[in-house]
C-alpha atoms as a PDB file:
ATOM      1  CA  UNK A   1       6.619   0.053   7.947  1.00  0.00           C
ATOM      2  CA  UNK A   2       9.441   0.966   5.978  1.00  0.00           C
ATOM      3  CA  UNK A   3       9.829   4.494   4.942  1.00  0.00           C
ATOM      4  CA  UNK A   4       8.888   2.940   1.049  1.00  0.00           C
ATOM      5  CA  UNK A   5       6.549   0.073  -0.089  1.00  0.00           C
ATOM      6  CA  UNK A   6       7.402  -1.751  -2.822  1.00  0.00           C
ATOM      7  CA  UNK A   7       4.440  -2.367  -5.507  1.00  0.00           C
ATOM      8  CA  UNK A   8       3.813  -5.926  -4.229  1.00  0.00           C
ATOM      9  CA  UNK A   9       3.416  -4.605  -0.577  1.00  0.00           C
ATOM     10  CA  UNK A  10       0.948  -1.853  -2.140  1.00  0.00           C
ATOM     11  CA  UNK A  11      -0.464  -4.406  -3.519  1.00  0.00           C
ATOM     12  CA  UNK A  12      -1.124  -6.112  -0.645  1.00  0.00           C
ATOM     13  CA  UNK A  13      -2.693  -3.374   1.249  1.00  0.00           C
ATOM     14  CA  UNK A  14      -5.344  -2.690  -1.591  1.00  0.00           C
ATOM     15  CA  UNK A  15      -5.827  -6.314  -2.401  1.00  0.00           C
ATOM     16  CA  UNK A  16      -4.334  -5.374  -5.869  1.00  0.00           C
ATOM     17  CA  UNK A  17      -1.486  -7.299  -8.094  1.00  0.00           C
ATOM     18  CA  UNK A  18       2.006  -5.381  -8.154  1.00  0.00           C
ATOM     19  CA  UNK A  19       0.730  -4.886 -12.165  1.00  0.00           C
ATOM     20  CA  UNK A  20      -2.312  -2.850 -11.021  1.00  0.00           C
ATOM     21  CA  UNK A  21      -0.467  -1.223  -8.488  1.00  0.00           C
ATOM     22  CA  UNK A  22       2.099   0.238 -11.385  1.00  0.00           C
ATOM     23  CA  UNK A  23      -0.651   1.054 -13.298  1.00  0.00           C
ATOM     24  CA  UNK A  24      -2.013   3.308 -10.835  1.00  0.00           C
ATOM     25  CA  UNK A  25       1.168   4.619 -10.662  1.00  0.00           C
ATOM     26  CA  UNK A  26       1.430   5.200 -14.526  1.00  0.00           C
ATOM     27  CA  UNK A  27      -2.461   7.033 -14.350  1.00  0.00           C
ATOM     28  CA  UNK A  28      -1.064   8.934 -11.802  1.00  0.00           C
ATOM     29  CA  UNK A  29      -3.390   7.842  -9.040  1.00  0.00           C
ATOM     30  CA  UNK A  30      -0.182   7.300  -6.941  1.00  0.00           C
ATOM     31  CA  UNK A  31       2.963   9.175  -6.735  1.00  0.00           C
ATOM     32  CA  UNK A  32       5.912   6.956  -6.404  1.00  0.00           C
ATOM     33  CA  UNK A  33       9.506   7.112  -7.026  1.00  0.00           C
ATOM     34  CA  UNK A  34      11.798   5.414  -9.568  1.00  0.00           C
ATOM     35  CA  UNK A  35      14.532   3.075  -8.432  1.00  0.00           C
ATOM     36  CA  UNK A  36      16.901   0.722  -9.869  1.00  0.00           C
ATOM     37  CA  UNK A  37      14.997  -2.147  -8.168  1.00  0.00           C
ATOM     38  CA  UNK A  38      11.680  -0.799  -9.361  1.00  0.00           C
ATOM     39  CA  UNK A  39       8.894   1.561  -8.111  1.00  0.00           C
ATOM     40  CA  UNK A  40       8.778   2.742  -4.449  1.00  0.00           C
ATOM     41  CA  UNK A  41       5.679   4.046  -2.752  1.00  0.00           C
ATOM     42  CA  UNK A  42       6.618   6.261   0.118  1.00  0.00           C
ATOM     43  CA  UNK A  43       5.063   5.596   3.938  1.00  0.00           C
ATOM     44  CA  UNK A  44       2.705   8.371   3.770  1.00  0.00           C
ATOM     45  CA  UNK A  45       1.556   8.130   0.010  1.00  0.00           C
ATOM     46  CA  UNK A  46       0.777   4.450   0.769  1.00  0.00           C
ATOM     47  CA  UNK A  47      -1.237   5.558   3.916  1.00  0.00           C
ATOM     48  CA  UNK A  48      -3.311   7.694   1.942  1.00  0.00           C
ATOM     49  CA  UNK A  49      -4.136   5.395  -0.752  1.00  0.00           C
ATOM     50  CA  UNK A  50      -4.978   2.438   1.948  1.00  0.00           C
ATOM     51  CA  UNK A  51      -6.862   5.035   3.563  1.00  0.00           C
ATOM     52  CA  UNK A  52      -8.945   6.138   0.500  1.00  0.00           C
ATOM     53  CA  UNK A  53      -9.518   2.280  -0.389  1.00  0.00           C
ATOM     54  CA  UNK A  54     -10.607   1.285   3.300  1.00  0.00           C
ATOM     55  CA  UNK A  55     -12.676   4.270   3.497  1.00  0.00           C
ATOM     56  CA  UNK A  56     -14.788   3.796   0.058  1.00  0.00           C
ATOM     57  CA  UNK A  57     -15.076  -0.096   1.088  1.00  0.00           C
ATOM     58  CA  UNK A  58     -16.234   0.411   4.455  1.00  0.00           C
ATOM     59  CA  UNK A  59     -18.091   3.085   3.530  1.00  0.00           C
ATOM     60  CA  UNK A  60     -16.781   4.849   7.310  1.00  0.00           C
ATOM     61  CA  UNK A  61     -14.101   7.109   8.209  1.00  0.00           C
ATOM     62  CA  UNK A  62     -10.721   5.537   9.636  1.00  0.00           C
ATOM     63  CA  UNK A  63      -8.116   7.533  12.089  1.00  0.00           C
ATOM     64  CA  UNK A  64      -4.746   7.207  11.336  1.00  0.00           C
ATOM     65  CA  UNK A  65      -4.033   5.088  14.183  1.00  0.00           C
ATOM     66  CA  UNK A  66      -6.507   2.398  12.753  1.00  0.00           C
ATOM     67  CA  UNK A  67      -5.389   2.506   9.250  1.00  0.00           C
ATOM     68  CA  UNK A  68      -1.289   2.613  10.123  1.00  0.00           C
ATOM     69  CA  UNK A  69      -2.465  -0.379  12.656  1.00  0.00           C
ATOM     70  CA  UNK A  70      -4.397  -2.227   9.962  1.00  0.00           C
ATOM     71  CA  UNK A  71      -1.302  -1.493   7.400  1.00  0.00           C
ATOM     72  CA  UNK A  72       1.180  -2.739  10.112  1.00  0.00           C
ATOM     73  CA  UNK A  73      -0.936  -6.213  10.121  1.00  0.00           C
ATOM     74  CA  UNK A  74      -1.264  -6.816   6.844  1.00  0.00           C
ATOM     75  CA  UNK A  75       2.285  -6.224   5.793  1.00  0.00           C
ATOM     76  CA  UNK A  76       3.514  -8.564   8.388  1.00  0.00           C
ATOM     77  CA  UNK A  77       0.583 -11.355   7.839  1.00  0.00           C
ATOM     78  CA  UNK A  78       1.890 -11.739   4.166  1.00  0.00           C
ATOM     79  CA  UNK A  79       5.549 -11.209   4.970  1.00  0.00           C
ATOM     80  CA  UNK A  80       5.043 -14.300   6.863  1.00  0.00           C
ATOM     81  CA  UNK A  81       3.285 -15.905   4.278  1.00  0.00           C
ATOM     82  CA  UNK A  82       5.683 -15.284   1.775  1.00  0.00           C
ATOM     83  CA  UNK A  83       8.833 -16.225   4.104  1.00  0.00           C
ATOM     84  CA  UNK A  84       7.336 -19.765   4.437  1.00  0.00           C
END
């Protein structure tokens, strides 16, 4: 996983649109950095938000390793789809 994720990539992890992720950023739910190409979310912040969402949805605690593995899988799968 890159050091920074785009709003699209974080959206893939959360099952939300890039616009919804930008609203989360504006509402202070997600910390980000504003760059000329748009908002970018640090990897550790993306994993934190992903963990919160996954644990809320599944009702169970996940290890750091599980969250990272799931995030990598989702990002790789979606990257392949968008490249096609």
